[in-house]
All heavy atoms as atom14 arrays in JSON, in Angstrom:
{
  "sequence": "KNGEFFKARPSFRAEFQCRSWFGKQLRGLCDITALHGYSQIVRDG",
  "atom14_mask": [
    [1, 1, 1, 1, 1, 1, 1, 1, 1, 0, 0, 0, 0, 0],
    [1, 1, 1, 1, 1, 1, 1, 1, 0, 0, 0, 0, 0, 0],
    [1, 1, 1, 1, 0, 0, 0, 0, 0, 0, 0, 0, 0, 0],
    [1, 1, 1, 1, 1, 1, 1, 1, 1, 0, 0, 0, 0, 0],
    [1, 1, 1, 1, 1, 1, 1, 1, 1, 1, 1, 0, 0, 0],
    [1, 1, 1, 1, 1, 1, 1, 1, 1, 1, 1, 0, 0, 0],
    [1, 1, 1, 1, 1, 1, 1, 1, 1, 0, 0, 0, 0, 0],
    [1, 1, 1, 1, 1, 0, 0, 0, 0, 0, 0, 0, 0, 0],
    [1, 1, 1, 1, 1, 1, 1, 1, 1, 1, 1, 0, 0, 0],
    [1, 1, 1, 1, 1, 1, 1, 0, 0, 0, 0, 0, 0, 0],
    [1, 1, 1, 1, 1, 1, 0, 0, 0, 0, 0, 0, 0, 0],
    [1, 1, 1, 1, 1, 1, 1, 1, 1, 1, 1, 0, 0, 0],
    [1, 1, 1, 1, 1, 1, 1, 1, 1, 1, 1, 0, 0, 0],
    [1, 1, 1, 1, 1, 0, 0, 0, 0, 0, 0, 0, 0, 0],
    [1, 1, 1, 1, 1, 1, 1, 1, 1, 0, 0, 0, 0, 0],
    [1, 1, 1, 1, 1, 1, 1, 1, 1, 1, 1, 0, 0, 0],
    [1, 1, 1, 1, 1, 1, 1, 1, 1, 0, 0, 0, 0, 0],
    [1, 1, 1, 1, 1, 1, 0, 0, 0, 0, 0, 0, 0, 0],
    [1, 1, 1, 1, 1, 1, 1, 1, 1, 1, 1, 0, 0, 0],
    [1, 1, 1, 1, 1, 1, 0, 0, 0, 0, 0, 0, 0, 0],
    [1, 1, 1, 1, 1, 1, 1, 1, 1, 1, 1, 1, 1, 1],
    [1, 1, 1, 1, 1, 1, 1, 1, 1, 1, 1, 0, 0, 0],
    [1, 1, 1, 1, 0, 0, 0, 0, 0, 0, 0, 0, 0, 0],
    [1, 1, 1, 1, 1, 1, 1, 1, 1, 0, 0, 0, 0, 0],
    [1, 1, 1, 1, 1, 1, 1, 1, 1, 0, 0, 0, 0, 0],
    [1, 1, 1, 1, 1, 1, 1, 1, 0, 0, 0, 0, 0, 0],
    [1, 1, 1, 1, 1, 1, 1, 1, 1, 1, 1, 0, 0, 0],
    [1, 1, 1, 1, 0, 0, 0, 0, 0, 0, 0, 0, 0, 0],
    [1, 1, 1, 1, 1, 1, 1, 1, 0, 0, 0, 0, 0, 0],
    [1, 1, 1, 1, 1, 1, 0, 0, 0, 0, 0, 0, 0, 0],
    [1, 1, 1, 1, 1, 1, 1, 1, 0, 0, 0, 0, 0, 0],
    [1, 1, 1, 1, 1, 1, 1, 1, 0, 0, 0, 0, 0, 0],
    [1, 1, 1, 1, 1, 1, 1, 0, 0, 0, 0, 0, 0, 0],
    [1, 1, 1, 1, 1, 0, 0, 0, 0, 0, 0, 0, 0, 0],
    [1, 1, 1, 1, 1, 1, 1, 1, 0, 0, 0, 0, 0, 0],
    [1, 1, 1, 1, 1, 1, 1, 1, 1, 1, 0, 0, 0, 0],
    [1, 1, 1, 1, 0, 0, 0, 0, 0, 0, 0, 0, 0, 0],
    [1, 1, 1, 1, 1, 1, 1, 1, 1, 1, 1, 1, 0, 0],
    [1, 1, 1, 1, 1, 1, 0, 0, 0, 0, 0, 0, 0, 0],
    [1, 1, 1, 1, 1, 1, 1, 1, 1, 0, 0, 0, 0, 0],
    [1, 1, 1, 1, 1, 1, 1, 1, 0, 0, 0, 0, 0, 0],
    [1, 1, 1, 1, 1, 1, 1, 0, 0, 0, 0, 0, 0, 0],
    [1, 1, 1, 1, 1, 1, 1, 1, 1, 1, 1, 0, 0, 0],
    [1, 1, 1, 1, 1, 1, 1, 1, 0, 0, 0, 0, 0, 0],
    [1, 1, 1, 1, 0, 0, 0, 0, 0, 0, 0, 0, 0, 0]
  ],
  "atom14_positions": [
    [[-48.29, 5.8, -21.7], [-48.27, 4.57, -20.87], [-47.61, 3.33, -21.71], [-47.14, 2.47, -21.1], [-49.65, 4.21, -20.45], [-50.62, 3.96, -21.54], [-51.96, 3.59, -21.0], [-53.11, 3.55, -22.15], [-54.45, 3.27, -21.67], [0.0, 0.0, 0.0], [0.0, 0.0, 0.0], [0.0, 0.0, 0.0], [0.0, 0.0, 0.0], [0.0, 0.0, 0.0]],
    [[-47.67, 3.52, -23.05], [-47.0, 2.37, -23.79], [-45.49, 2.61, -24.08], [-44.79, 1.91, -24.76], [-47.62, 2.3, -25.24], [-49.13, 1.84, -25.01], [-49.53, 1.07, -24.18], [-50.09, 2.46, -25.87], [0.0, 0.0, 0.0], [0.0, 0.0, 0.0], [0.0, 0.0, 0.0], [0.0, 0.0, 0.0], [0.0, 0.0, 0.0], [0.0, 0.0, 0.0]],
    [[-45.02, 3.78, -23.55], [-43.47, 4.06, -23.59], [-43.18, 4.79, -24.88], [-42.06, 4.92, -25.33], [0.0, 0.0, 0.0], [0.0, 0.0, 0.0], [0.0, 0.0, 0.0], [0.0, 0.0, 0.0], [0.0, 0.0, 0.0], [0.0, 0.0, 0.0], [0.0, 0.0, 0.0], [0.0, 0.0, 0.0], [0.0, 0.0, 0.0], [0.0, 0.0, 0.0]],
    [[-44.19, 5.28, -25.65], [-43.9, 5.95, -26.97], [-43.68, 7.49, -26.71], [-44.41, 7.94, -25.83], [-45.03, 5.65, -27.93], [-45.12, 4.13, -28.26], [-46.21, 3.99, -29.25], [-47.0, 4.88, -29.55], [-46.42, 2.8, -29.83], [0.0, 0.0, 0.0], [0.0, 0.0, 0.0], [0.0, 0.0, 0.0], [0.0, 0.0, 0.0], [0.0, 0.0, 0.0]],
    [[-42.93, 7.95, -27.54], [-42.6, 9.45, -27.42], [-43.76, 10.27, -28.07], [-44.39, 9.92, -29.11], [-41.31, 9.88, -28.17], [-40.17, 9.37, -27.37], [-39.4, 8.25, -27.72], [-39.67, 10.14, -26.32], [-38.33, 7.81, -27.03], [-38.52, 9.7, -25.67], [-37.86, 8.57, -26.01], [0.0, 0.0, 0.0], [0.0, 0.0, 0.0], [0.0, 0.0, 0.0]],
    [[-44.16, 11.32, -27.34], [-44.95, 12.3, -27.99], [-44.06, 13.17, -28.82], [-42.86, 13.11, -28.84], [-45.81, 13.15, -26.95], [-46.95, 12.42, -26.39], [-47.04, 11.98, -25.03], [-48.02, 12.16, -27.24], [-48.04, 11.42, -24.59], [-49.18, 11.48, -26.71], [-49.17, 11.09, -25.37], [0.0, 0.0, 0.0], [0.0, 0.0, 0.0], [0.0, 0.0, 0.0]],
    [[-44.68, 14.1, -29.42], [-43.95, 15.12, -30.34], [-43.04, 15.96, -29.43], [-43.33, 16.47, -28.45], [-44.83, 16.02, -31.02], [-44.2, 16.93, -32.08], [-45.21, 17.74, -32.87], [-44.48, 18.57, -33.89], [-45.45, 19.37, -34.67], [0.0, 0.0, 0.0], [0.0, 0.0, 0.0], [0.0, 0.0, 0.0], [0.0, 0.0, 0.0], [0.0, 0.0, 0.0]],
    [[-41.58, 15.9, -29.78], [-40.65, 16.7, -29.01], [-39.87, 17.67, -30.03], [-40.16, 17.63, -31.2], [-39.63, 15.74, -28.31], [0.0, 0.0, 0.0], [0.0, 0.0, 0.0], [0.0, 0.0, 0.0], [0.0, 0.0, 0.0], [0.0, 0.0, 0.0], [0.0, 0.0, 0.0], [0.0, 0.0, 0.0], [0.0, 0.0, 0.0], [0.0, 0.0, 0.0]],
    [[-38.82, 18.29, -29.46], [-38.08, 19.27, -30.3], [-37.21, 18.41, -31.22], [-36.19, 17.76, -30.82], [-37.17, 20.14, -29.49], [-38.16, 21.17, -28.72], [-37.37, 22.3, -28.12], [-36.44, 21.76, -27.12], [-35.52, 22.59, -26.37], [-35.47, 23.73, -26.65], [-34.75, 21.92, -25.53], [0.0, 0.0, 0.0], [0.0, 0.0, 0.0], [0.0, 0.0, 0.0]],
    [[-37.38, 18.57, -32.56], [-36.53, 17.64, -33.53], [-35.08, 18.11, -33.64], [-34.21, 17.35, -33.74], [-37.33, 17.87, -34.82], [-38.06, 19.15, -34.76], [-38.43, 19.17, -33.28], [0.0, 0.0, 0.0], [0.0, 0.0, 0.0], [0.0, 0.0, 0.0], [0.0, 0.0, 0.0], [0.0, 0.0, 0.0], [0.0, 0.0, 0.0], [0.0, 0.0, 0.0]],
    [[-34.71, 19.44, -33.37], [-33.41, 19.95, -33.52], [-32.51, 19.31, -32.5], [-31.43, 18.97, -32.67], [-33.27, 21.46, -33.39], [-33.84, 21.93, -32.2], [0.0, 0.0, 0.0], [0.0, 0.0, 0.0], [0.0, 0.0, 0.0], [0.0, 0.0, 0.0], [0.0, 0.0, 0.0], [0.0, 0.0, 0.0], [0.0, 0.0, 0.0], [0.0, 0.0, 0.0]],
    [[-33.09, 19.21, -31.22], [-32.27, 18.68, -30.14], [-32.05, 17.17, -30.4], [-30.98, 16.59, -30.1], [-32.95, 18.83, -28.79], [-32.24, 18.25, -27.65], [-31.21, 18.85, -27.07], [-32.59, 16.91, -27.16], [-30.48, 18.28, -26.0], [-31.95, 16.36, -26.16], [-30.86, 16.98, -25.55], [0.0, 0.0, 0.0], [0.0, 0.0, 0.0], [0.0, 0.0, 0.0]],
    [[-33.09, 16.5, -30.82], [-32.98, 15.04, -31.09], [-31.87, 14.8, -32.2], [-31.0, 13.9, -31.97], [-34.19, 14.45, -31.59], [-34.21, 12.93, -31.76], [-35.66, 12.38, -31.9], [-36.11, 12.86, -33.21], [-37.32, 12.48, -33.7], [-38.08, 11.62, -32.96], [-37.81, 13.0, -34.8], [0.0, 0.0, 0.0], [0.0, 0.0, 0.0], [0.0, 0.0, 0.0]],
    [[-31.93, 15.57, -33.25], [-30.79, 15.42, -34.26], [-29.49, 15.73, -33.77], [-28.53, 14.98, -33.99], [-31.11, 16.34, -35.45], [0.0, 0.0, 0.0], [0.0, 0.0, 0.0], [0.0, 0.0, 0.0], [0.0, 0.0, 0.0], [0.0, 0.0, 0.0], [0.0, 0.0, 0.0], [0.0, 0.0, 0.0], [0.0, 0.0, 0.0], [0.0, 0.0, 0.0]],
    [[-29.37, 16.74, -32.84], [-28.0, 17.17, -32.29], [-27.62, 15.95, -31.4], [-26.4, 15.59, -31.38], [-28.16, 18.41, -31.53], [-26.84, 18.87, -30.87], [-26.97, 20.17, -30.17], [-28.04, 20.72, -30.22], [-25.97, 20.6, -29.61], [0.0, 0.0, 0.0], [0.0, 0.0, 0.0], [0.0, 0.0, 0.0], [0.0, 0.0, 0.0], [0.0, 0.0, 0.0]],
    [[-28.43, 15.39, -30.6], [-28.1, 14.42, -29.75], [-27.67, 13.03, -30.44], [-26.65, 12.45, -30.1], [-29.28, 14.01, -28.79], [-29.01, 12.98, -27.83], [-28.24, 13.21, -26.75], [-29.5, 11.63, -28.0], [-28.04, 12.11, -25.76], [-29.23, 10.62, -27.19], [-28.47, 10.89, -26.01], [0.0, 0.0, 0.0], [0.0, 0.0, 0.0], [0.0, 0.0, 0.0]],
    [[-28.34, 12.77, -31.53], [-28.02, 11.64, -32.31], [-26.69, 11.9, -33.0], [-25.82, 10.92, -33.19], [-29.12, 11.35, -33.35], [-30.31, 10.86, -32.73], [-31.48, 10.62, -33.76], [-31.35, 11.02, -34.97], [-32.56, 9.96, -33.33], [0.0, 0.0, 0.0], [0.0, 0.0, 0.0], [0.0, 0.0, 0.0], [0.0, 0.0, 0.0], [0.0, 0.0, 0.0]],
    [[-26.44, 13.09, -33.38], [-25.07, 13.35, -34.1], [-24.0, 13.28, -33.23], [-22.99, 12.72, -33.54], [-25.15, 14.79, -34.72], [-23.63, 15.27, -35.61], [0.0, 0.0, 0.0], [0.0, 0.0, 0.0], [0.0, 0.0, 0.0], [0.0, 0.0, 0.0], [0.0, 0.0, 0.0], [0.0, 0.0, 0.0], [0.0, 0.0, 0.0], [0.0, 0.0, 0.0]],
    [[-24.15, 13.79, -31.91], [-23.03, 13.68, -30.9], [-22.89, 12.19, -30.63], [-21.68, 11.78, -30.43], [-23.4, 14.5, -29.82], [-23.36, 15.97, -29.99], [-23.68, 16.83, -28.62], [-23.57, 18.13, -28.79], [-23.78, 18.98, -27.79], [-24.22, 18.58, -26.63], [-23.73, 20.32, -28.04], [0.0, 0.0, 0.0], [0.0, 0.0, 0.0], [0.0, 0.0, 0.0]],
    [[-23.82, 11.5, -30.42], [-23.74, 10.09, -30.09], [-23.01, 9.27, -31.22], [-22.15, 8.46, -30.87], [-25.15, 9.5, -29.79], [-25.08, 8.11, -29.64], [0.0, 0.0, 0.0], [0.0, 0.0, 0.0], [0.0, 0.0, 0.0], [0.0, 0.0, 0.0], [0.0, 0.0, 0.0], [0.0, 0.0, 0.0], [0.0, 0.0, 0.0], [0.0, 0.0, 0.0]],
    [[-23.32, 9.63, -32.51], [-22.77, 8.98, -33.54], [-21.22, 9.34, -33.61], [-20.32, 8.52, -33.87], [-23.37, 9.27, -34.9], [-22.72, 8.85, -36.11], [-22.75, 7.56, -36.71], [-21.72, 9.5, -36.89], [-21.92, 7.44, -37.72], [-21.27, 8.7, -37.83], [-21.24, 10.88, -36.75], [-20.38, 9.06, -38.85], [-20.38, 11.2, -37.76], [-19.94, 10.33, -38.76]],
    [[-20.96, 10.62, -33.42], [-19.54, 11.08, -33.62], [-18.69, 10.58, -32.51], [-17.6, 10.15, -32.74], [-19.58, 12.69, -33.49], [-18.2, 13.24, -33.63], [-17.61, 13.5, -34.87], [-17.45, 13.66, -32.41], [-16.31, 14.01, -34.98], [-16.19, 14.17, -32.6], [-15.56, 14.31, -33.83], [0.0, 0.0, 0.0], [0.0, 0.0, 0.0], [0.0, 0.0, 0.0]],
    [[-19.27, 10.46, -31.26], [-18.56, 9.9, -30.15], [-18.2, 8.35, -30.39], [-17.1, 7.93, -30.03], [0.0, 0.0, 0.0], [0.0, 0.0, 0.0], [0.0, 0.0, 0.0], [0.0, 0.0, 0.0], [0.0, 0.0, 0.0], [0.0, 0.0, 0.0], [0.0, 0.0, 0.0], [0.0, 0.0, 0.0], [0.0, 0.0, 0.0], [0.0, 0.0, 0.0]],
    [[-19.28, 7.72, -30.94], [-19.02, 6.3, -31.17], [-17.95, 6.09, -32.3], [-17.13, 5.23, -32.1], [-20.35, 5.7, -31.71], [-20.29, 4.17, -32.14], [-21.55, 3.71, -32.75], [-21.52, 2.32, -33.21], [-22.82, 1.87, -33.81], [0.0, 0.0, 0.0], [0.0, 0.0, 0.0], [0.0, 0.0, 0.0], [0.0, 0.0, 0.0], [0.0, 0.0, 0.0]],
    [[-17.99, 6.94, -33.34], [-16.91, 6.79, -34.39], [-15.6, 7.19, -33.9], [-14.57, 6.5, -34.27], [-17.34, 7.77, -35.61], [-18.6, 7.29, -36.28], [-18.58, 5.94, -36.86], [-19.2, 5.03, -36.27], [-17.87, 5.8, -37.91], [0.0, 0.0, 0.0], [0.0, 0.0, 0.0], [0.0, 0.0, 0.0], [0.0, 0.0, 0.0], [0.0, 0.0, 0.0]],
    [[-15.55, 8.22, -33.11], [-14.16, 8.62, -32.53], [-13.58, 7.62, -31.59], [-12.41, 7.25, -31.69], [-14.35, 10.02, -31.76], [-13.12, 10.58, -31.14], [-12.09, 10.84, -32.3], [-13.4, 11.86, -30.46], [0.0, 0.0, 0.0], [0.0, 0.0, 0.0], [0.0, 0.0, 0.0], [0.0, 0.0, 0.0], [0.0, 0.0, 0.0], [0.0, 0.0, 0.0]],
    [[-14.5, 6.98, -30.81], [-13.92, 5.89, -29.91], [-13.41, 4.72, -30.72], [-12.39, 4.19, -30.4], [-15.03, 5.44, -29.02], [-14.62, 4.4, -28.0], [-15.72, 3.94, -27.06], [-15.25, 2.89, -26.21], [-14.71, 3.11, -25.05], [-14.5, 4.28, -24.69], [-14.35, 2.03, -24.34], [0.0, 0.0, 0.0], [0.0, 0.0, 0.0], [0.0, 0.0, 0.0]],
    [[-14.24, 4.35, -31.79], [-13.75, 3.21, -32.7], [-12.52, 3.53, -33.38], [-11.68, 2.75, -33.55], [0.0, 0.0, 0.0], [0.0, 0.0, 0.0], [0.0, 0.0, 0.0], [0.0, 0.0, 0.0], [0.0, 0.0, 0.0], [0.0, 0.0, 0.0], [0.0, 0.0, 0.0], [0.0, 0.0, 0.0], [0.0, 0.0, 0.0], [0.0, 0.0, 0.0]],
    [[-12.33, 4.8, -33.85], [-10.99, 5.22, -34.47], [-9.87, 5.13, -33.52], [-8.79, 4.58, -33.81], [-11.15, 6.69, -35.09], [-9.93, 7.22, -35.73], [-9.51, 6.38, -36.96], [-10.17, 8.69, -36.14], [0.0, 0.0, 0.0], [0.0, 0.0, 0.0], [0.0, 0.0, 0.0], [0.0, 0.0, 0.0], [0.0, 0.0, 0.0], [0.0, 0.0, 0.0]],
    [[-10.08, 5.67, -32.3], [-8.96, 5.67, -31.28], [-8.6, 4.23, -31.0], [-7.43, 3.97, -30.65], [-9.41, 6.45, -30.11], [-9.53, 8.26, -30.31], [0.0, 0.0, 0.0], [0.0, 0.0, 0.0], [0.0, 0.0, 0.0], [0.0, 0.0, 0.0], [0.0, 0.0, 0.0], [0.0, 0.0, 0.0], [0.0, 0.0, 0.0], [0.0, 0.0, 0.0]],
    [[-9.57, 3.35, -31.01], [-9.38, 1.95, -30.59], [-8.51, 1.17, -31.61], [-7.7, 0.28, -31.12], [-10.72, 1.31, -30.33], [-10.55, 0.06, -29.57], [-9.6, -0.1, -28.68], [-11.34, -0.98, -29.77], [0.0, 0.0, 0.0], [0.0, 0.0, 0.0], [0.0, 0.0, 0.0], [0.0, 0.0, 0.0], [0.0, 0.0, 0.0], [0.0, 0.0, 0.0]],
    [[-8.69, 1.49, -32.82], [-8.02, 0.68, -33.86], [-6.86, 1.47, -34.58], [-6.08, 0.82, -35.36], [-8.93, 0.23, -34.93], [-9.62, 1.41, -35.69], [-10.06, -0.63, -34.31], [-8.99, 1.84, -36.86], [0.0, 0.0, 0.0], [0.0, 0.0, 0.0], [0.0, 0.0, 0.0], [0.0, 0.0, 0.0], [0.0, 0.0, 0.0], [0.0, 0.0, 0.0]],
    [[-6.72, 2.77, -34.44], [-5.79, 3.59, -35.14], [-4.3, 3.32, -34.66], [-4.08, 2.85, -33.6], [-5.98, 5.09, -35.04], [-5.06, 5.82, -35.93], [-5.8, 5.5, -33.57], [0.0, 0.0, 0.0], [0.0, 0.0, 0.0], [0.0, 0.0, 0.0], [0.0, 0.0, 0.0], [0.0, 0.0, 0.0], [0.0, 0.0, 0.0], [0.0, 0.0, 0.0]],
    [[-3.4, 3.53, -35.61], [-1.98, 3.34, -35.26], [-1.34, 4.57, -34.71], [-0.12, 4.55, -34.31], [-1.14, 3.0, -36.59], [0.0, 0.0, 0.0], [0.0, 0.0, 0.0], [0.0, 0.0, 0.0], [0.0, 0.0, 0.0], [0.0, 0.0, 0.0], [0.0, 0.0, 0.0], [0.0, 0.0, 0.0], [0.0, 0.0, 0.0], [0.0, 0.0, 0.0]],
    [[-2.01, 5.65, -34.56], [-1.53, 6.91, -34.0], [-1.16, 6.63, -32.54], [-1.81, 5.91, -31.75], [-2.62, 8.01, -33.98], [-2.96, 8.51, -35.36], [-4.1, 9.59, -35.26], [-1.71, 9.26, -35.94], [0.0, 0.0, 0.0], [0.0, 0.0, 0.0], [0.0, 0.0, 0.0], [0.0, 0.0, 0.0], [0.0, 0.0, 0.0], [0.0, 0.0, 0.0]],
    [[-0.02, 7.06, -32.13], [0.58, 6.77, -30.73], [-0.4, 7.27, -29.69], [-0.68, 8.54, -29.74], [1.99, 7.36, -30.72], [2.94, 6.76, -31.7], [2.81, 5.58, -32.22], [4.03, 7.42, -32.24], [3.78, 5.36, -33.11], [4.51, 6.45, -33.13], [0.0, 0.0, 0.0], [0.0, 0.0, 0.0], [0.0, 0.0, 0.0], [0.0, 0.0, 0.0]],
    [[-0.67, 6.46, -28.73], [-1.36, 6.97, -27.5], [-2.83, 6.96, -27.58], [-3.45, 7.0, -26.47], [0.0, 0.0, 0.0], [0.0, 0.0, 0.0], [0.0, 0.0, 0.0], [0.0, 0.0, 0.0], [0.0, 0.0, 0.0], [0.0, 0.0, 0.0], [0.0, 0.0, 0.0], [0.0, 0.0, 0.0], [0.0, 0.0, 0.0], [0.0, 0.0, 0.0]],
    [[-3.49, 7.06, -28.71], [-4.91, 7.18, -28.77], [-5.65, 5.94, -28.29], [-6.63, 6.06, -27.57], [-5.33, 7.49, -30.27], [-5.0, 8.92, -30.66], [-3.84, 9.3, -31.01], [-6.0, 9.84, -30.58], [-3.55, 10.57, -31.42], [-5.8, 11.15, -30.95], [-4.52, 11.59, -31.4], [-4.24, 12.8, -31.74], [0.0, 0.0, 0.0], [0.0, 0.0, 0.0]],
    [[-5.08, 4.8, -28.52], [-5.83, 3.61, -28.07], [-5.79, 3.47, -26.56], [-6.68, 2.87, -25.89], [-5.15, 2.26, -28.7], [-3.67, 2.28, -28.34], [0.0, 0.0, 0.0], [0.0, 0.0, 0.0], [0.0, 0.0, 0.0], [0.0, 0.0, 0.0], [0.0, 0.0, 0.0], [0.0, 0.0, 0.0], [0.0, 0.0, 0.0], [0.0, 0.0, 0.0]],
    [[-4.71, 4.09, -25.9], [-4.59, 4.08, -24.49], [-5.69, 4.87, -23.81], [-6.09, 4.64, -22.68], [-3.24, 4.59, -23.97], [-2.07, 3.83, -24.54], [-1.98, 2.4, -24.24], [-2.39, 2.07, -23.11], [-1.42, 1.61, -25.04], [0.0, 0.0, 0.0], [0.0, 0.0, 0.0], [0.0, 0.0, 0.0], [0.0, 0.0, 0.0], [0.0, 0.0, 0.0]],
    [[-6.21, 6.0, -24.57], [-7.17, 6.89, -23.92], [-8.43, 6.18, -23.72], [-9.24, 6.32, -22.78], [-7.32, 8.01, -24.77], [-6.06, 8.82, -24.83], [-8.46, 9.0, -24.26], [-6.04, 10.09, -25.78], [0.0, 0.0, 0.0], [0.0, 0.0, 0.0], [0.0, 0.0, 0.0], [0.0, 0.0, 0.0], [0.0, 0.0, 0.0], [0.0, 0.0, 0.0]],
    [[-8.88, 5.24, -24.73], [-10.16, 4.59, -24.62], [-10.11, 3.07, -24.27], [-11.07, 2.31, -24.33], [-10.77, 4.63, -26.03], [-11.09, 6.0, -26.51], [-9.96, 3.93, -27.14], [0.0, 0.0, 0.0], [0.0, 0.0, 0.0], [0.0, 0.0, 0.0], [0.0, 0.0, 0.0], [0.0, 0.0, 0.0], [0.0, 0.0, 0.0], [0.0, 0.0, 0.0]],
    [[-8.9, 2.6, -23.75], [-8.75, 1.22, -23.43], [-9.58, 0.95, -22.14], [-9.59, 1.67, -21.21], [-7.24, 0.95, -23.12], [-6.99, -0.53, -22.73], [-5.5, -0.79, -22.78], [-5.06, -0.89, -24.2], [-3.84, -1.21, -24.55], [-2.98, -1.56, -23.68], [-3.43, -1.24, -25.81], [0.0, 0.0, 0.0], [0.0, 0.0, 0.0], [0.0, 0.0, 0.0]],
    [[-10.25, -0.2, -22.11], [-11.01, -0.6, -21.03], [-10.2, -1.01, -19.88], [-9.02, -1.53, -20.14], [-11.89, -1.78, -21.34], [-13.0, -1.42, -22.51], [-13.26, -0.26, -22.45], [-13.38, -2.37, -23.33], [0.0, 0.0, 0.0], [0.0, 0.0, 0.0], [0.0, 0.0, 0.0], [0.0, 0.0, 0.0], [0.0, 0.0, 0.0], [0.0, 0.0, 0.0]],
    [[-10.58, -0.74, -18.68], [-9.87, -1.13, -17.52], [-8.95, -0.08, -16.97], [-8.37, -0.26, -15.83], [0.0, 0.0, 0.0], [0.0, 0.0, 0.0], [0.0, 0.0, 0.0], [0.0, 0.0, 0.0], [0.0, 0.0, 0.0], [0.0, 0.0, 0.0], [0.0, 0.0, 0.0], [0.0, 0.0, 0.0], [0.0, 0.0, 0.0], [0.0, 0.0, 0.0]]
  ]
}
């Protein structure tokens, strides 16, 4: 009722966090890199 997690599967949590971090880093790289076309893939709008 306080919104705190009970004990869950730690492997899935680590995998989810890794994917989330990798996606964040990849988006940031595509946004600032000089490689042709990558910034267009993640451009807002």
